[in-house]
Amino acid sequence: MSAPVHVRFQRSGGLAGIKIAVNTDTDELSPAQGEMIRALLAAPDSSPVSAPGAPDRFSYELLLDDGRQQRLLRWPETAVPDDVRPLIAELTTRSRPIR
C-alpha cells in the first residue's frame, strides 16, 4: 500500500467572497477519490487551462504532496474537469471558512 497523499484544498470567490479550506489526506477519503488524487499528482505537468475569472464564480486550488513530489492545481469554476468535480464536491463539503 502506498503512503497517503496530503491534500490542501481551498475554494475562493463566489458572491460573498468567503474562502473555505480543508487539509486532509487520501486515507480519509474514499478509495476512488484517493485514486483520483494520485492520478492528478502523477499526471504530466500540463497546468490546467487558466480561464479568466468571472465575477461571482468560485476558483479552486489543490495542493497535493506525497512526500516525494508536490503539485499545485488551480481551476476557475467553469474549467474544473468533469472527472474531478465529485472530488471537488467532497472537499467542499469537508471545508470550513478561513480568514
N, C-alpha and C. Protein backbone atom coordinates (compact mmCIF):
# COMPACT_ATOMS: atom_id res chain seq x y z
N MET A 1 0.85 -1.19 0.00
CA MET A 1 0.00 0.00 0.00
C MET A 1 0.89 1.25 0.00
N SER A 2 0.50 2.23 -0.79
CA SER A 2 1.32 3.43 -0.88
C SER A 2 1.00 4.40 0.26
N ALA A 3 1.96 5.28 0.52
CA ALA A 3 1.78 6.27 1.58
C ALA A 3 0.65 7.22 1.21
N PRO A 4 -0.02 7.78 2.20
CA PRO A 4 -1.10 8.72 1.89
C PRO A 4 -0.57 9.99 1.22
N VAL A 5 -1.39 10.56 0.40
CA VAL A 5 -1.09 11.84 -0.24
C VAL A 5 -1.81 12.92 0.57
N HIS A 6 -1.06 13.93 1.00
CA HIS A 6 -1.66 15.06 1.72
C HIS A 6 -2.33 15.98 0.71
N VAL A 7 -3.51 16.46 1.06
CA VAL A 7 -4.30 17.33 0.18
C VAL A 7 -4.65 18.61 0.94
N ARG A 8 -4.28 19.74 0.36
CA ARG A 8 -4.75 21.04 0.86
C ARG A 8 -5.67 21.61 -0.21
N PHE A 9 -6.91 21.83 0.16
CA PHE A 9 -7.93 22.32 -0.77
C PHE A 9 -8.40 23.70 -0.32
N GLN A 10 -8.61 24.58 -1.29
CA GLN A 10 -9.16 25.90 -0.98
C GLN A 10 -10.11 26.32 -2.09
N ARG A 11 -11.24 26.89 -1.67
CA ARG A 11 -12.18 27.49 -2.62
C ARG A 11 -12.28 28.96 -2.28
N SER A 12 -12.17 29.82 -3.28
CA SER A 12 -12.30 31.26 -3.05
C SER A 12 -13.26 31.82 -4.08
N GLY A 13 -13.61 33.09 -3.88
CA GLY A 13 -14.52 33.76 -4.80
C GLY A 13 -15.96 33.58 -4.39
N GLY A 14 -16.83 33.60 -5.36
CA GLY A 14 -18.25 33.48 -5.08
C GLY A 14 -18.86 34.83 -4.72
N LEU A 15 -20.15 34.87 -4.61
CA LEU A 15 -20.87 36.11 -4.35
C LEU A 15 -20.43 36.77 -3.05
N ALA A 16 -20.27 35.97 -1.98
CA ALA A 16 -19.90 36.53 -0.68
C ALA A 16 -18.39 36.66 -0.50
N GLY A 17 -17.61 36.02 -1.37
CA GLY A 17 -16.16 36.11 -1.28
C GLY A 17 -15.57 35.40 -0.08
N ILE A 18 -16.28 34.42 0.48
CA ILE A 18 -15.79 33.69 1.65
C ILE A 18 -14.90 32.55 1.19
N LYS A 19 -13.67 32.52 1.73
CA LYS A 19 -12.75 31.42 1.42
C LYS A 19 -13.02 30.26 2.37
N ILE A 20 -12.98 29.06 1.81
CA ILE A 20 -13.09 27.86 2.64
C ILE A 20 -11.90 26.96 2.30
N ALA A 21 -11.52 26.12 3.26
CA ALA A 21 -10.37 25.25 3.04
C ALA A 21 -10.46 24.02 3.93
N VAL A 22 -9.70 23.01 3.53
CA VAL A 22 -9.55 21.80 4.34
C VAL A 22 -8.19 21.20 4.04
N ASN A 23 -7.59 20.62 5.06
CA ASN A 23 -6.38 19.81 4.92
C ASN A 23 -6.78 18.39 5.27
N THR A 24 -6.47 17.47 4.39
CA THR A 24 -6.82 16.07 4.61
C THR A 24 -5.78 15.21 3.91
N ASP A 25 -5.99 13.91 3.89
CA ASP A 25 -5.14 13.05 3.08
C ASP A 25 -5.97 11.90 2.53
N THR A 26 -5.37 11.14 1.65
CA THR A 26 -6.10 10.11 0.93
C THR A 26 -6.63 9.02 1.86
N ASP A 27 -6.04 8.84 3.05
CA ASP A 27 -6.57 7.85 4.00
C ASP A 27 -7.94 8.23 4.53
N GLU A 28 -8.29 9.51 4.47
CA GLU A 28 -9.56 9.99 4.99
C GLU A 28 -10.64 10.10 3.90
N LEU A 29 -10.28 9.78 2.67
CA LEU A 29 -11.20 9.87 1.54
C LEU A 29 -11.52 8.48 1.02
N SER A 30 -12.48 8.39 0.14
CA SER A 30 -12.84 7.09 -0.43
C SER A 30 -11.70 6.58 -1.32
N PRO A 31 -11.65 5.26 -1.55
CA PRO A 31 -10.61 4.73 -2.45
C PRO A 31 -10.65 5.38 -3.84
N ALA A 32 -11.84 5.63 -4.37
CA ALA A 32 -11.94 6.26 -5.70
C ALA A 32 -11.38 7.67 -5.67
N GLN A 33 -11.65 8.41 -4.61
CA GLN A 33 -11.12 9.77 -4.50
C GLN A 33 -9.61 9.74 -4.33
N GLY A 34 -9.11 8.77 -3.58
CA GLY A 34 -7.66 8.61 -3.43
C GLY A 34 -6.99 8.31 -4.76
N GLU A 35 -7.62 7.47 -5.56
CA GLU A 35 -7.08 7.15 -6.89
C GLU A 35 -7.06 8.41 -7.76
N MET A 36 -8.11 9.22 -7.70
CA MET A 36 -8.16 10.46 -8.48
C MET A 36 -7.02 11.38 -8.07
N ILE A 37 -6.80 11.52 -6.77
CA ILE A 37 -5.72 12.39 -6.27
C ILE A 37 -4.37 11.88 -6.74
N ARG A 38 -4.15 10.58 -6.65
CA ARG A 38 -2.86 10.02 -7.11
C ARG A 38 -2.68 10.22 -8.62
N ALA A 39 -3.77 10.10 -9.37
CA ALA A 39 -3.70 10.32 -10.82
C ALA A 39 -3.37 11.78 -11.13
N LEU A 40 -3.97 12.71 -10.39
CA LEU A 40 -3.67 14.12 -10.60
C LEU A 40 -2.22 14.43 -10.25
N LEU A 41 -1.71 13.81 -9.19
CA LEU A 41 -0.32 14.04 -8.77
C LEU A 41 0.65 13.48 -9.80
N ALA A 42 0.31 12.34 -10.40
CA ALA A 42 1.23 11.65 -11.32
C ALA A 42 1.11 12.13 -12.77
N ALA A 43 0.06 12.88 -13.08
CA ALA A 43 -0.17 13.31 -14.46
C ALA A 43 0.98 14.18 -14.95
N PRO A 44 1.24 14.14 -16.25
CA PRO A 44 2.28 15.01 -16.81
C PRO A 44 1.98 16.46 -16.43
N ASP A 45 3.02 17.22 -16.28
CA ASP A 45 2.86 18.60 -15.82
C ASP A 45 2.30 19.48 -16.92
N SER A 46 1.00 19.38 -17.09
CA SER A 46 0.31 20.28 -18.00
C SER A 46 -0.70 21.04 -17.15
N SER A 47 -0.38 22.26 -16.87
CA SER A 47 -1.22 23.06 -15.99
C SER A 47 -2.62 23.17 -16.57
N PRO A 48 -3.62 23.16 -15.70
CA PRO A 48 -4.98 23.32 -16.19
C PRO A 48 -5.12 24.63 -16.96
N VAL A 49 -6.01 24.61 -17.91
CA VAL A 49 -6.27 25.81 -18.70
C VAL A 49 -6.72 26.91 -17.75
N SER A 50 -6.10 28.04 -17.85
CA SER A 50 -6.44 29.15 -16.99
C SER A 50 -7.38 30.09 -17.74
N ALA A 51 -8.64 30.00 -17.38
CA ALA A 51 -9.63 30.89 -17.99
C ALA A 51 -9.74 32.13 -17.12
N PRO A 52 -10.08 33.25 -17.70
CA PRO A 52 -10.23 34.44 -16.88
C PRO A 52 -11.32 34.23 -15.84
N GLY A 53 -11.10 34.76 -14.65
CA GLY A 53 -12.10 34.64 -13.61
C GLY A 53 -13.36 35.41 -13.97
N ALA A 54 -14.48 34.85 -13.61
CA ALA A 54 -15.75 35.52 -13.86
C ALA A 54 -16.28 36.06 -12.53
N PRO A 55 -16.95 37.18 -12.57
CA PRO A 55 -17.50 37.72 -11.32
C PRO A 55 -18.42 36.70 -10.66
N ASP A 56 -18.34 36.63 -9.35
CA ASP A 56 -19.21 35.77 -8.54
C ASP A 56 -19.02 34.28 -8.80
N ARG A 57 -17.94 33.88 -9.43
CA ARG A 57 -17.64 32.47 -9.65
C ARG A 57 -16.58 32.03 -8.65
N PHE A 58 -16.57 30.74 -8.38
CA PHE A 58 -15.57 30.18 -7.48
C PHE A 58 -14.30 29.84 -8.24
N SER A 59 -13.20 29.79 -7.52
CA SER A 59 -11.98 29.21 -8.05
C SER A 59 -11.49 28.21 -7.01
N TYR A 60 -10.83 27.17 -7.49
CA TYR A 60 -10.41 26.06 -6.66
C TYR A 60 -8.91 25.86 -6.75
N GLU A 61 -8.32 25.48 -5.62
CA GLU A 61 -6.89 25.21 -5.58
C GLU A 61 -6.66 23.91 -4.81
N LEU A 62 -5.86 23.04 -5.39
CA LEU A 62 -5.47 21.78 -4.76
C LEU A 62 -3.96 21.73 -4.68
N LEU A 63 -3.43 21.53 -3.49
CA LEU A 63 -2.01 21.27 -3.33
C LEU A 63 -1.88 19.83 -2.89
N LEU A 64 -1.22 19.02 -3.70
CA LEU A 64 -1.05 17.59 -3.44
C LEU A 64 0.41 17.32 -3.10
N ASP A 65 0.65 16.50 -2.09
CA ASP A 65 2.02 16.23 -1.63
C ASP A 65 2.09 14.81 -1.11
N ASP A 66 2.93 13.98 -1.74
CA ASP A 66 3.10 12.60 -1.28
C ASP A 66 4.43 12.39 -0.54
N GLY A 67 5.12 13.49 -0.24
CA GLY A 67 6.41 13.39 0.44
C GLY A 67 7.58 13.34 -0.51
N ARG A 68 7.33 13.01 -1.76
CA ARG A 68 8.38 12.97 -2.79
C ARG A 68 8.17 14.07 -3.83
N GLN A 69 6.91 14.35 -4.09
CA GLN A 69 6.63 15.39 -5.07
C GLN A 69 5.39 16.16 -4.63
N GLN A 70 5.32 17.39 -5.11
CA GLN A 70 4.19 18.28 -4.85
C GLN A 70 3.63 18.76 -6.18
N ARG A 71 2.35 19.00 -6.17
CA ARG A 71 1.72 19.55 -7.37
C ARG A 71 0.61 20.50 -6.96
N LEU A 72 0.61 21.68 -7.53
CA LEU A 72 -0.41 22.69 -7.28
C LEU A 72 -1.29 22.80 -8.52
N LEU A 73 -2.59 22.62 -8.32
CA LEU A 73 -3.55 22.71 -9.42
C LEU A 73 -4.55 23.80 -9.09
N ARG A 74 -4.89 24.60 -10.08
CA ARG A 74 -5.89 25.67 -9.91
C ARG A 74 -6.85 25.63 -11.08
N TRP A 75 -8.13 25.81 -10.75
CA TRP A 75 -9.15 25.87 -11.78
C TRP A 75 -10.17 26.94 -11.45
N PRO A 76 -10.59 27.73 -12.45
CA PRO A 76 -11.81 28.52 -12.25
C PRO A 76 -12.99 27.56 -12.29
N GLU A 77 -14.08 27.94 -11.68
CA GLU A 77 -15.26 27.06 -11.57
C GLU A 77 -15.67 26.45 -12.90
N THR A 78 -15.60 27.21 -13.96
CA THR A 78 -16.06 26.74 -15.27
C THR A 78 -15.08 25.79 -15.96
N ALA A 79 -13.87 25.64 -15.42
CA ALA A 79 -12.86 24.81 -16.08
C ALA A 79 -12.49 23.54 -15.31
N VAL A 80 -13.19 23.25 -14.21
CA VAL A 80 -12.90 22.03 -13.46
C VAL A 80 -13.25 20.83 -14.35
N PRO A 81 -12.29 19.91 -14.56
CA PRO A 81 -12.59 18.73 -15.39
C PRO A 81 -13.75 17.93 -14.79
N ASP A 82 -14.60 17.39 -15.66
CA ASP A 82 -15.78 16.64 -15.20
C ASP A 82 -15.42 15.52 -14.24
N ASP A 83 -14.32 14.80 -14.51
CA ASP A 83 -13.97 13.67 -13.65
C ASP A 83 -13.44 14.11 -12.28
N VAL A 84 -13.09 15.39 -12.13
CA VAL A 84 -12.58 15.92 -10.86
C VAL A 84 -13.71 16.55 -10.04
N ARG A 85 -14.84 16.85 -10.66
CA ARG A 85 -15.94 17.52 -9.95
C ARG A 85 -16.41 16.78 -8.70
N PRO A 86 -16.58 15.45 -8.71
CA PRO A 86 -17.01 14.78 -7.47
C PRO A 86 -16.00 14.96 -6.32
N LEU A 87 -14.71 14.96 -6.64
CA LEU A 87 -13.69 15.19 -5.62
C LEU A 87 -13.80 16.61 -5.07
N ILE A 88 -13.97 17.59 -5.95
CA ILE A 88 -14.12 18.98 -5.52
C ILE A 88 -15.36 19.12 -4.62
N ALA A 89 -16.44 18.45 -4.99
CA ALA A 89 -17.67 18.50 -4.18
C ALA A 89 -17.43 17.93 -2.79
N GLU A 90 -16.73 16.80 -2.69
CA GLU A 90 -16.44 16.19 -1.39
C GLU A 90 -15.54 17.09 -0.55
N LEU A 91 -14.51 17.65 -1.15
CA LEU A 91 -13.61 18.52 -0.40
C LEU A 91 -14.31 19.80 0.04
N THR A 92 -15.22 20.31 -0.79
CA THR A 92 -16.01 21.48 -0.42
C THR A 92 -16.86 21.17 0.80
N THR A 93 -17.49 20.00 0.83
CA THR A 93 -18.31 19.59 1.96
C THR A 93 -17.50 19.52 3.25
N ARG A 94 -16.25 19.09 3.16
CA ARG A 94 -15.40 18.95 4.33
C ARG A 94 -14.75 20.27 4.78
N SER A 95 -14.84 21.30 3.96
CA SER A 95 -14.15 22.56 4.21
C SER A 95 -14.87 23.43 5.24
N ARG A 96 -14.08 24.33 5.82
CA ARG A 96 -14.57 25.31 6.78
C ARG A 96 -14.07 26.70 6.36
N PRO A 97 -14.81 27.77 6.74
CA PRO A 97 -14.36 29.13 6.40
C PRO A 97 -12.99 29.44 7.00
N ILE A 98 -12.20 30.20 6.24
CA ILE A 98 -10.90 30.68 6.71
C ILE A 98 -10.87 32.19 6.56
N ARG A 99 -9.92 32.80 7.23
CA ARG A 99 -9.75 34.26 7.11
C ARG A 99 -8.63 34.57 6.19
